[in-house]
Amino acid sequence: MSKQYKTFKEFYPFYLSQHQDLVCRRLHYLGSTIIVVLLINTFINQQWWQLGWLPVIGYGFAWIGHFMFEKNRPATFTYPLYSLLGDWVMYGQMLKRVLSKLIAKL
């Protein structure tokens, strides 16, 4: 049985350890960026049907990264909420250009 994390702070180092591959992280970044653009477009144009694409884009890019490049099982399958939060924390750290330093410390 996998470790049961009680807090996101406890979970996040594990989450980062599952994202060692640069291509996997870049696919996460690409998927998250497309989600932001899609959300903005959806609200501007009020085409609510586009919201159906959010999980396809968000999980699609991430899962390709995990299965093809990282060669591991996405944390989403075991920790869906912490994993979703982890995606956005990691995205913010990528934007701030601090993520590589955090990964290197693992």
PDB file of N, CA and C in Angstrom:
ATOM      1  N   MET A   1       0.842  -1.192   0.000  1.00  0.00           N
ATOM      2  CA  MET A   1       0.000   0.000   0.000  1.00  0.00           C
ATOM      3  C   MET A   1       0.883   1.250   0.000  1.00  0.00           C
ATOM      4  N   SER A   2       0.466   2.284  -0.750  1.00  0.00           N
ATOM      5  CA  SER A   2       1.255   3.510  -0.830  1.00  0.00           C
ATOM      6  C   SER A   2       1.082   4.345   0.438  1.00  0.00           C
ATOM      7  N   LYS A   3       2.031   5.240   0.635  1.00  0.00           N
ATOM      8  CA  LYS A   3       1.996   6.115   1.801  1.00  0.00           C
ATOM      9  C   LYS A   3       0.756   6.996   1.760  1.00  0.00           C
ATOM     10  N   GLN A   4       0.145   7.225   2.877  1.00  0.00           N
ATOM     11  CA  GLN A   4      -1.016   8.097   2.964  1.00  0.00           C
ATOM     12  C   GLN A   4      -0.564   9.469   3.466  1.00  0.00           C
ATOM     13  N   TYR A   5      -0.649  10.460   2.619  1.00  0.00           N
ATOM     14  CA  TYR A   5      -0.244  11.815   2.984  1.00  0.00           C
ATOM     15  C   TYR A   5      -1.403  12.525   3.654  1.00  0.00           C
ATOM     16  N   LYS A   6      -1.115  13.183   4.764  1.00  0.00           N
ATOM     17  CA  LYS A   6      -2.154  13.869   5.522  1.00  0.00           C
ATOM     18  C   LYS A   6      -2.267  15.345   5.137  1.00  0.00           C
ATOM     19  N   THR A   7      -1.200  15.913   4.586  1.00  0.00           N
ATOM     20  CA  THR A   7      -1.213  17.320   4.186  1.00  0.00           C
ATOM     21  C   THR A   7      -0.583  17.464   2.813  1.00  0.00           C
ATOM     22  N   PHE A   8      -0.923  18.563   2.153  1.00  0.00           N
ATOM     23  CA  PHE A   8      -0.317  18.837   0.856  1.00  0.00           C
ATOM     24  C   PHE A   8       1.178  19.104   1.007  1.00  0.00           C
ATOM     25  N   LYS A   9       1.562  19.771   2.095  1.00  0.00           N
ATOM     26  CA  LYS A   9       2.979  20.062   2.341  1.00  0.00           C
ATOM     27  C   LYS A   9       3.794  18.769   2.415  1.00  0.00           C
ATOM     28  N   GLU A  10       3.222  17.760   2.985  1.00  0.00           N
ATOM     29  CA  GLU A  10       3.864  16.445   3.092  1.00  0.00           C
ATOM     30  C   GLU A  10       3.881  15.740   1.715  1.00  0.00           C
ATOM     31  N   PHE A  11       2.835  15.945   0.938  1.00  0.00           N
ATOM     32  CA  PHE A  11       2.690  15.296  -0.359  1.00  0.00           C
ATOM     33  C   PHE A  11       3.578  15.903  -1.445  1.00  0.00           C
ATOM     34  N   TYR A  12       3.781  17.209  -1.427  1.00  0.00           N
ATOM     35  CA  TYR A  12       4.414  17.890  -2.551  1.00  0.00           C
ATOM     36  C   TYR A  12       5.826  17.400  -2.884  1.00  0.00           C
ATOM     37  N   PRO A  13       6.692  17.115  -1.923  1.00  0.00           N
ATOM     38  CA  PRO A  13       8.001  16.555  -2.303  1.00  0.00           C
ATOM     39  C   PRO A  13       7.878  15.233  -3.081  1.00  0.00           C
ATOM     40  N   PHE A  14       6.917  14.393  -2.678  1.00  0.00           N
ATOM     41  CA  PHE A  14       6.661  13.167  -3.430  1.00  0.00           C
ATOM     42  C   PHE A  14       6.210  13.513  -4.843  1.00  0.00           C
ATOM     43  N   TYR A  15       5.307  14.466  -4.960  1.00  0.00           N
ATOM     44  CA  TYR A  15       4.797  14.887  -6.262  1.00  0.00           C
ATOM     45  C   TYR A  15       5.947  15.331  -7.167  1.00  0.00           C
ATOM     46  N   LEU A  16       6.835  16.159  -6.631  1.00  0.00           N
ATOM     47  CA  LEU A  16       7.986  16.610  -7.423  1.00  0.00           C
ATOM     48  C   LEU A  16       8.886  15.441  -7.818  1.00  0.00           C
ATOM     49  N   SER A  17       9.023  14.469  -6.943  1.00  0.00           N
ATOM     50  CA  SER A  17       9.874  13.316  -7.256  1.00  0.00           C
ATOM     51  C   SER A  17       9.332  12.517  -8.435  1.00  0.00           C
ATOM     52  N   GLN A  18       8.049  12.676  -8.712  1.00  0.00           N
ATOM     53  CA  GLN A  18       7.420  11.978  -9.829  1.00  0.00           C
ATOM     54  C   GLN A  18       7.509  12.780 -11.131  1.00  0.00           C
ATOM     55  N   HIS A  19       8.217  13.902 -11.088  1.00  0.00           N
ATOM     56  CA  HIS A  19       8.348  14.796 -12.244  1.00  0.00           C
ATOM     57  C   HIS A  19       9.817  15.143 -12.493  1.00  0.00           C
ATOM     58  N   GLN A  20      10.663  14.148 -12.530  1.00  0.00           N
ATOM     59  CA  GLN A  20      12.089  14.351 -12.754  1.00  0.00           C
ATOM     60  C   GLN A  20      12.415  14.637 -14.218  1.00  0.00           C
ATOM     61  N   ASP A  21      11.630  14.087 -15.127  1.00  0.00           N
ATOM     62  CA  ASP A  21      11.906  14.208 -16.551  1.00  0.00           C
ATOM     63  C   ASP A  21      11.473  15.585 -17.074  1.00  0.00           C
ATOM     64  N   LEU A  22      12.385  16.266 -17.760  1.00  0.00           N
ATOM     65  CA  LEU A  22      12.117  17.606 -18.269  1.00  0.00           C
ATOM     66  C   LEU A  22      10.970  17.622 -19.285  1.00  0.00           C
ATOM     67  N   VAL A  23      10.901  16.641 -20.155  1.00  0.00           N
ATOM     68  CA  VAL A  23       9.822  16.597 -21.149  1.00  0.00           C
ATOM     69  C   VAL A  23       8.473  16.444 -20.447  1.00  0.00           C
ATOM     70  N   CYS A  24       8.414  15.607 -19.438  1.00  0.00           N
ATOM     71  CA  CYS A  24       7.170  15.433 -18.677  1.00  0.00           C
ATOM     72  C   CYS A  24       6.740  16.764 -18.064  1.00  0.00           C
ATOM     73  N   ARG A  25       7.670  17.474 -17.449  1.00  0.00           N
ATOM     74  CA  ARG A  25       7.338  18.774 -16.842  1.00  0.00           C
ATOM     75  C   ARG A  25       6.893  19.775 -17.902  1.00  0.00           C
ATOM     76  N   ARG A  26       7.535  19.757 -19.046  1.00  0.00           N
ATOM     77  CA  ARG A  26       7.150  20.684 -20.121  1.00  0.00           C
ATOM     78  C   ARG A  26       5.762  20.363 -20.662  1.00  0.00           C
ATOM     79  N   LEU A  27       5.424  19.086 -20.725  1.00  0.00           N
ATOM     80  CA  LEU A  27       4.070  18.722 -21.157  1.00  0.00           C
ATOM     81  C   LEU A  27       3.029  19.172 -20.139  1.00  0.00           C
ATOM     82  N   HIS A  28       3.346  19.068 -18.852  1.00  0.00           N
ATOM     83  CA  HIS A  28       2.459  19.595 -17.809  1.00  0.00           C
ATOM     84  C   HIS A  28       2.271  21.105 -18.018  1.00  0.00           C
ATOM     85  N   TYR A  29       3.370  21.800 -18.239  1.00  0.00           N
ATOM     86  CA  TYR A  29       3.340  23.245 -18.431  1.00  0.00           C
ATOM     87  C   TYR A  29       2.484  23.616 -19.645  1.00  0.00           C
ATOM     88  N   LEU A  30       2.687  22.904 -20.745  1.00  0.00           N
ATOM     89  CA  LEU A  30       1.923  23.159 -21.963  1.00  0.00           C
ATOM     90  C   LEU A  30       0.426  22.940 -21.727  1.00  0.00           C
ATOM     91  N   GLY A  31       0.084  21.819 -21.116  1.00  0.00           N
ATOM     92  CA  GLY A  31      -1.318  21.531 -20.830  1.00  0.00           C
ATOM     93  C   GLY A  31      -1.946  22.584 -19.927  1.00  0.00           C
ATOM     94  N   SER A  32      -1.231  22.997 -18.889  1.00  0.00           N
ATOM     95  CA  SER A  32      -1.757  24.009 -17.966  1.00  0.00           C
ATOM     96  C   SER A  32      -1.926  25.357 -18.661  1.00  0.00           C
ATOM     97  N   THR A  33      -0.981  25.716 -19.515  1.00  0.00           N
ATOM     98  CA  THR A  33      -1.082  26.979 -20.245  1.00  0.00           C
ATOM     99  C   THR A  33      -2.280  26.965 -21.185  1.00  0.00           C
ATOM    100  N   ILE A  34      -2.486  25.859 -21.874  1.00  0.00           N
ATOM    101  CA  ILE A  34      -3.652  25.739 -22.761  1.00  0.00           C
ATOM    102  C   ILE A  34      -4.941  25.840 -21.950  1.00  0.00           C
ATOM    103  N   ILE A  35      -4.969  25.275 -20.760  1.00  0.00           N
ATOM    104  CA  ILE A  35      -6.153  25.360 -19.900  1.00  0.00           C
ATOM    105  C   ILE A  35      -6.449  26.819 -19.540  1.00  0.00           C
ATOM    106  N   VAL A  36      -5.418  27.570 -19.176  1.00  0.00           N
ATOM    107  CA  VAL A  36      -5.615  28.984 -18.830  1.00  0.00           C
ATOM    108  C   VAL A  36      -6.180  29.747 -20.034  1.00  0.00           C
ATOM    109  N   VAL A  37      -5.583  29.535 -21.199  1.00  0.00           N
ATOM    110  CA  VAL A  37      -6.056  30.205 -22.421  1.00  0.00           C
ATOM    111  C   VAL A  37      -7.492  29.788 -22.737  1.00  0.00           C
ATOM    112  N   LEU A  38      -7.784  28.516 -22.609  1.00  0.00           N
ATOM    113  CA  LEU A  38      -9.134  28.008 -22.877  1.00  0.00           C
ATOM    114  C   LEU A  38     -10.159  28.612 -21.915  1.00  0.00           C
ATOM    115  N   LEU A  39      -9.803  28.707 -20.646  1.00  0.00           N
ATOM    116  CA  LEU A  39     -10.713  29.311 -19.665  1.00  0.00           C
ATOM    117  C   LEU A  39     -10.997  30.776 -20.003  1.00  0.00           C
ATOM    118  N   ILE A  40      -9.952  31.508 -20.332  1.00  0.00           N
ATOM    119  CA  ILE A  40     -10.128  32.919 -20.695  1.00  0.00           C
ATOM    120  C   ILE A  40     -11.028  33.029 -21.922  1.00  0.00           C
ATOM    121  N   ASN A  41     -10.737  32.223 -22.931  1.00  0.00           N
ATOM    122  CA  ASN A  41     -11.544  32.232 -24.152  1.00  0.00           C
ATOM    123  C   ASN A  41     -13.003  31.852 -23.870  1.00  0.00           C
ATOM    124  N   THR A  42     -13.195  30.867 -23.028  1.00  0.00           N
ATOM    125  CA  THR A  42     -14.549  30.417 -22.696  1.00  0.00           C
ATOM    126  C   THR A  42     -15.351  31.535 -22.046  1.00  0.00           C
ATOM    127  N   PHE A  43     -14.742  32.230 -21.093  1.00  0.00           N
ATOM    128  CA  PHE A  43     -15.470  33.289 -20.399  1.00  0.00           C
ATOM    129  C   PHE A  43     -15.687  34.519 -21.287  1.00  0.00           C
ATOM    130  N   ILE A  44     -14.731  34.838 -22.132  1.00  0.00           N
ATOM    131  CA  ILE A  44     -14.899  35.984 -23.037  1.00  0.00           C
ATOM    132  C   ILE A  44     -16.007  35.709 -24.055  1.00  0.00           C
ATOM    133  N   ASN A  45     -15.965  34.542 -24.649  1.00  0.00           N
ATOM    134  CA  ASN A  45     -16.913  34.203 -25.711  1.00  0.00           C
ATOM    135  C   ASN A  45     -18.177  33.508 -25.214  1.00  0.00           C
ATOM    136  N   GLN A  46     -18.206  33.173 -23.941  1.00  0.00           N
ATOM    137  CA  GLN A  46     -19.329  32.477 -23.308  1.00  0.00           C
ATOM    138  C   GLN A  46     -19.739  31.221 -24.070  1.00  0.00           C
ATOM    139  N   GLN A  47     -18.726  30.476 -24.489  1.00  0.00           N
ATOM    140  CA  GLN A  47     -18.961  29.191 -25.151  1.00  0.00           C
ATOM    141  C   GLN A  47     -18.659  28.099 -24.131  1.00  0.00           C
ATOM    142  N   TRP A  48     -19.637  27.839 -23.281  1.00  0.00           N
ATOM    143  CA  TRP A  48     -19.455  26.989 -22.111  1.00  0.00           C
ATOM    144  C   TRP A  48     -19.140  25.540 -22.460  1.00  0.00           C
ATOM    145  N   TRP A  49     -19.495  25.095 -23.640  1.00  0.00           N
ATOM    146  CA  TRP A  49     -19.202  23.723 -24.060  1.00  0.00           C
ATOM    147  C   TRP A  49     -17.695  23.451 -24.051  1.00  0.00           C
ATOM    148  N   GLN A  50     -16.904  24.523 -24.218  1.00  0.00           N
ATOM    149  CA  GLN A  50     -15.439  24.355 -24.241  1.00  0.00           C
ATOM    150  C   GLN A  50     -14.897  23.828 -22.909  1.00  0.00           C
ATOM    151  N   LEU A  51     -15.643  24.027 -21.827  1.00  0.00           N
ATOM    152  CA  LEU A  51     -15.192  23.550 -20.519  1.00  0.00           C
ATOM    153  C   LEU A  51     -15.028  22.033 -20.501  1.00  0.00           C
ATOM    154  N   GLY A  52     -15.732  21.337 -21.368  1.00  0.00           N
ATOM    155  CA  GLY A  52     -15.596  19.887 -21.469  1.00  0.00           C
ATOM    156  C   GLY A  52     -14.202  19.443 -21.891  1.00  0.00           C
ATOM    157  N   TRP A  53     -13.468  20.341 -22.521  1.00  0.00           N
ATOM    158  CA  TRP A  53     -12.098  20.025 -22.943  1.00  0.00           C
ATOM    159  C   TRP A  53     -11.082  20.104 -21.803  1.00  0.00           C
ATOM    160  N   LEU A  54     -11.436  20.744 -20.698  1.00  0.00           N
ATOM    161  CA  LEU A  54     -10.465  20.946 -19.612  1.00  0.00           C
ATOM    162  C   LEU A  54      -9.821  19.649 -19.120  1.00  0.00           C
ATOM    163  N   PRO A  55     -10.597  18.611 -18.751  1.00  0.00           N
ATOM    164  CA  PRO A  55      -9.925  17.395 -18.270  1.00  0.00           C
ATOM    165  C   PRO A  55      -9.144  16.676 -19.374  1.00  0.00           C
ATOM    166  N   VAL A  56      -9.631  16.752 -20.599  1.00  0.00           N
ATOM    167  CA  VAL A  56      -8.929  16.088 -21.708  1.00  0.00           C
ATOM    168  C   VAL A  56      -7.552  16.721 -21.900  1.00  0.00           C
ATOM    169  N   ILE A  57      -7.512  18.038 -21.915  1.00  0.00           N
ATOM    170  CA  ILE A  57      -6.246  18.749 -22.110  1.00  0.00           C
ATOM    171  C   ILE A  57      -5.355  18.601 -20.884  1.00  0.00           C
ATOM    172  N   GLY A  58      -5.930  18.874 -19.717  1.00  0.00           N
ATOM    173  CA  GLY A  58      -5.133  18.825 -18.490  1.00  0.00           C
ATOM    174  C   GLY A  58      -4.514  17.464 -18.236  1.00  0.00           C
ATOM    175  N   TYR A  59      -5.332  16.434 -18.286  1.00  0.00           N
ATOM    176  CA  TYR A  59      -4.818  15.091 -18.035  1.00  0.00           C
ATOM    177  C   TYR A  59      -4.091  14.523 -19.240  1.00  0.00           C
ATOM    178  N   GLY A  60      -4.535  14.871 -20.436  1.00  0.00           N
ATOM    179  CA  GLY A  60      -3.919  14.322 -21.643  1.00  0.00           C
ATOM    180  C   GLY A  60      -2.437  14.613 -21.748  1.00  0.00           C
ATOM    181  N   PHE A  61      -2.075  15.876 -21.638  1.00  0.00           N
ATOM    182  CA  PHE A  61      -0.659  16.240 -21.734  1.00  0.00           C
ATOM    183  C   PHE A  61       0.146  15.631 -20.586  1.00  0.00           C
ATOM    184  N   ALA A  62      -0.412  15.690 -19.377  1.00  0.00           N
ATOM    185  CA  ALA A  62       0.291  15.155 -18.211  1.00  0.00           C
ATOM    186  C   ALA A  62       0.503  13.648 -18.327  1.00  0.00           C
ATOM    187  N   TRP A  63      -0.525  12.928 -18.735  1.00  0.00           N
ATOM    188  CA  TRP A  63      -0.417  11.466 -18.808  1.00  0.00           C
ATOM    189  C   TRP A  63       0.522  11.026 -19.917  1.00  0.00           C
ATOM    190  N   ILE A  64       0.539  11.745 -21.027  1.00  0.00           N
ATOM    191  CA  ILE A  64       1.537  11.433 -22.069  1.00  0.00           C
ATOM    192  C   ILE A  64       2.935  11.594 -21.485  1.00  0.00           C
ATOM    193  N   GLY A  65       3.141  12.662 -20.737  1.00  0.00           N
ATOM    194  CA  GLY A  65       4.445  12.887 -20.103  1.00  0.00           C
ATOM    195  C   GLY A  65       4.828  11.771 -19.156  1.00  0.00           C
ATOM    196  N   HIS A  66       3.883  11.309 -18.359  1.00  0.00           N
ATOM    197  CA  HIS A  66       4.186  10.260 -17.388  1.00  0.00           C
ATOM    198  C   HIS A  66       4.401   8.905 -18.053  1.00  0.00           C
ATOM    199  N   PHE A  67       3.514   8.522 -18.936  1.00  0.00           N
ATOM    200  CA  PHE A  67       3.610   7.186 -19.529  1.00  0.00           C
ATOM    201  C   PHE A  67       4.737   7.063 -20.552  1.00  0.00           C
ATOM    202  N   MET A  68       4.989   8.121 -21.326  1.00  0.00           N
ATOM    203  CA  MET A  68       5.978   8.021 -22.396  1.00  0.00           C
ATOM    204  C   MET A  68       7.377   8.475 -21.983  1.00  0.00           C
ATOM    205  N   PHE A  69       7.479   9.429 -21.082  1.00  0.00           N
ATOM    206  CA  PHE A  69       8.782  10.001 -20.764  1.00  0.00           C
ATOM    207  C   PHE A  69       9.220   9.726 -19.332  1.00  0.00           C
ATOM    208  N   GLU A  70       8.355   9.965 -18.385  1.00  0.00           N
ATOM    209  CA  GLU A  70       8.704   9.744 -16.976  1.00  0.00           C
ATOM    210  C   GLU A  70       8.700   8.261 -16.644  1.00  0.00           C
ATOM    211  N   LYS A  71       7.888   7.482 -17.346  1.00  0.00           N
ATOM    212  CA  LYS A  71       7.759   6.027 -17.145  1.00  0.00           C
ATOM    213  C   LYS A  71       7.278   5.694 -15.735  1.00  0.00           C
ATOM    214  N   ASN A  72       6.282   6.466 -15.268  1.00  0.00           N
ATOM    215  CA  ASN A  72       5.682   6.169 -13.977  1.00  0.00           C
ATOM    216  C   ASN A  72       4.172   6.364 -14.051  1.00  0.00           C
ATOM    217  N   ARG A  73       3.523   6.014 -12.995  1.00  0.00           N
ATOM    218  CA  ARG A  73       2.057   6.114 -12.903  1.00  0.00           C
ATOM    219  C   ARG A  73       1.713   7.490 -12.350  1.00  0.00           C
ATOM    220  N   PRO A  74       0.847   8.260 -13.030  1.00  0.00           N
ATOM    221  CA  PRO A  74       0.505   9.595 -12.529  1.00  0.00           C
ATOM    222  C   PRO A  74      -0.047   9.557 -11.100  1.00  0.00           C
ATOM    223  N   ALA A  75       0.378  10.514 -10.300  1.00  0.00           N
ATOM    224  CA  ALA A  75      -0.076  10.608  -8.906  1.00  0.00           C
ATOM    225  C   ALA A  75      -1.582  10.854  -8.818  1.00  0.00           C
ATOM    226  N   THR A  76      -2.175  11.344  -9.896  1.00  0.00           N
ATOM    227  CA  THR A  76      -3.613  11.599  -9.940  1.00  0.00           C
ATOM    228  C   THR A  76      -4.428  10.357  -9.608  1.00  0.00           C
ATOM    229  N   PHE A  77      -3.925   9.196  -9.991  1.00  0.00           N
ATOM    230  CA  PHE A  77      -4.678   7.964  -9.770  1.00  0.00           C
ATOM    231  C   PHE A  77      -4.831   7.635  -8.288  1.00  0.00           C
ATOM    232  N   THR A  78      -3.876   8.041  -7.487  1.00  0.00           N
ATOM    233  CA  THR A  78      -3.908   7.744  -6.058  1.00  0.00           C
ATOM    234  C   THR A  78      -4.295   8.959  -5.210  1.00  0.00           C
ATOM    235  N   TYR A  79      -3.853  10.129  -5.642  1.00  0.00           N
ATOM    236  CA  TYR A  79      -4.074  11.368  -4.884  1.00  0.00           C
ATOM    237  C   TYR A  79      -4.677  12.442  -5.793  1.00  0.00           C
ATOM    238  N   PRO A  80      -5.928  12.310  -6.204  1.00  0.00           N
ATOM    239  CA  PRO A  80      -6.477  13.234  -7.209  1.00  0.00           C
ATOM    240  C   PRO A  80      -6.488  14.712  -6.796  1.00  0.00           C
ATOM    241  N   LEU A  81      -6.890  15.015  -5.577  1.00  0.00           N
ATOM    242  CA  LEU A  81      -6.966  16.428  -5.177  1.00  0.00           C
ATOM    243  C   LEU A  81      -5.595  17.036  -4.935  1.00  0.00           C
ATOM    244  N   TYR A  82      -4.747  16.320  -4.207  1.00  0.00           N
ATOM    245  CA  TYR A  82      -3.389  16.816  -3.987  1.00  0.00           C
ATOM    246  C   TYR A  82      -2.641  16.940  -5.313  1.00  0.00           C
ATOM    247  N   SER A  83      -2.877  16.024  -6.217  1.00  0.00           N
ATOM    248  CA  SER A  83      -2.213  16.048  -7.507  1.00  0.00           C
ATOM    249  C   SER A  83      -2.659  17.263  -8.329  1.00  0.00           C
ATOM    250  N   LEU A  84      -3.942  17.555  -8.309  1.00  0.00           N
ATOM    251  CA  LEU A  84      -4.455  18.728  -9.020  1.00  0.00           C
ATOM    252  C   LEU A  84      -3.832  20.005  -8.458  1.00  0.00           C
ATOM    253  N   LEU A  85      -3.796  20.097  -7.137  1.00  0.00           N
ATOM    254  CA  LEU A  85      -3.164  21.250  -6.502  1.00  0.00           C
ATOM    255  C   LEU A  85      -1.675  21.290  -6.842  1.00  0.00           C
ATOM    256  N   GLY A  86      -1.026  20.130  -6.824  1.00  0.00           N
ATOM    257  CA  GLY A  86       0.388  20.044  -7.160  1.00  0.00           C
ATOM    258  C   GLY A  86       0.681  20.533  -8.563  1.00  0.00           C
ATOM    259  N   ASP A  87      -0.202  20.218  -9.508  1.00  0.00           N
ATOM    260  CA  ASP A  87      -0.029  20.699 -10.884  1.00  0.00           C
ATOM    261  C   ASP A  87       0.075  22.212 -10.926  1.00  0.00           C
ATOM    262  N   TRP A  88      -0.838  22.867 -10.198  1.00  0.00           N
ATOM    263  CA  TRP A  88      -0.868  24.330 -10.261  1.00  0.00           C
ATOM    264  C   TRP A  88       0.246  24.968  -9.443  1.00  0.00           C
ATOM    265  N   VAL A  89       0.647  24.351  -8.350  1.00  0.00           N
ATOM    266  CA  VAL A  89       1.798  24.850  -7.595  1.00  0.00           C
ATOM    267  C   VAL A  89       3.051  24.703  -8.465  1.00  0.00           C
ATOM    268  N   MET A  90       3.205  23.545  -9.102  1.00  0.00           N
ATOM    269  CA  MET A  90       4.356  23.322  -9.981  1.00  0.00           C
ATOM    270  C   MET A  90       4.337  24.316 -11.144  1.00  0.00           C
ATOM    271  N   TYR A  91       3.172  24.580 -11.710  1.00  0.00           N
ATOM    272  CA  TYR A  91       3.042  25.537 -12.805  1.00  0.00           C
ATOM    273  C   TYR A  91       3.508  26.926 -12.349  1.00  0.00           C
ATOM    274  N   GLY A  92       3.062  27.336 -11.175  1.00  0.00           N
ATOM    275  CA  GLY A  92       3.491  28.627 -10.632  1.00  0.00           C
ATOM    276  C   GLY A  92       4.996  28.680 -10.416  1.00  0.00           C
ATOM    277  N   GLN A  93       5.564  27.595  -9.942  1.00  0.00           N
ATOM    278  CA  GLN A  93       7.014  27.545  -9.731  1.00  0.00           C
ATOM    279  C   GLN A  93       7.768  27.559 -11.059  1.00  0.00           C
ATOM    280  N   MET A  94       7.172  26.964 -12.093  1.00  0.00           N
ATOM    281  CA  MET A  94       7.778  27.045 -13.429  1.00  0.00           C
ATOM    282  C   MET A  94       7.757  28.487 -13.925  1.00  0.00           C
ATOM    283  N   LEU A  95       6.635  29.164 -13.746  1.00  0.00           N
ATOM    284  CA  LEU A  95       6.530  30.560 -14.182  1.00  0.00           C
ATOM    285  C   LEU A  95       7.547  31.443 -13.460  1.00  0.00           C
ATOM    286  N   LYS A  96       7.770  31.158 -12.187  1.00  0.00           N
ATOM    287  CA  LYS A  96       8.737  31.933 -11.391  1.00  0.00           C
ATOM    288  C   LYS A  96      10.180  31.471 -11.607  1.00  0.00           C
ATOM    289  N   ARG A  97      10.317  30.380 -12.367  1.00  0.00           N
ATOM    290  CA  ARG A  97      11.631  29.794 -12.682  1.00  0.00           C
ATOM    291  C   ARG A  97      12.387  29.325 -11.435  1.00  0.00           C
ATOM    292  N   VAL A  98      11.660  28.720 -10.502  1.00  0.00           N
ATOM    293  CA  VAL A  98      12.290  28.186  -9.300  1.00  0.00           C
ATOM    294  C   VAL A  98      12.188  26.664  -9.235  1.00  0.00           C
ATOM    295  N   LEU A  99      11.411  26.055 -10.127  1.00  0.00           N
ATOM    296  CA  LEU A  99      11.153  24.627 -10.043  1.00  0.00           C
ATOM    297  C   LEU A  99      12.416  23.790 -10.237  1.00  0.00           C
ATOM    298  N   SER A 100      13.261  24.130 -11.180  1.00  0.00           N
ATOM    299  CA  SER A 100      14.471  23.343 -11.454  1.00  0.00           C
ATOM    300  C   SER A 100      15.351  23.241 -10.218  1.00  0.00           C
ATOM    301  N   LYS A 101      15.447  24.305  -9.457  1.00  0.00           N
ATOM    302  CA  LYS A 101      16.253  24.292  -8.226  1.00  0.00           C
ATOM    303  C   LYS A 101      15.645  23.350  -7.189  1.00  0.00           C
ATOM    304  N   LEU A 102      14.300  23.349  -7.090  1.00  0.00           N
ATOM    305  CA  LEU A 102      13.632  22.458  -6.135  1.00  0.00           C
ATOM    306  C   LEU A 102      13.818  20.992  -6.540  1.00  0.00           C
ATOM    307  N   ILE A 103      13.705  20.694  -7.828  1.00  0.00           N
ATOM    308  CA  ILE A 103      13.873  19.322  -8.325  1.00  0.00           C
ATOM    309  C   ILE A 103      15.300  18.855  -8.075  1.00  0.00           C
ATOM    310  N   ALA A 104      16.264  19.745  -8.283  1.00  0.00           N
ATOM    311  CA  ALA A 104      17.674  19.382  -8.102  1.00  0.00           C
ATOM    312  C   ALA A 104      17.983  19.019  -6.644  1.00  0.00           C
ATOM    313  N   LYS A 105      17.221  19.555  -5.702  1.00  0.00           N
ATOM    314  CA  LYS A 105      17.459  19.273  -4.285  1.00  0.00           C
ATOM    315  C   LYS A 105      16.910  17.924  -3.838  1.00  0.00           C
ATOM    316  N   LEU A 106      16.087  17.296  -4.664  1.00  0.00           N
ATOM    317  CA  LEU A 106      15.470  16.017  -4.266  1.00  0.00           C
ATOM    318  C   LEU A 106      16.486  14.905  -4.203  1.00  0.00           C
TER     319      LEU A 106
END
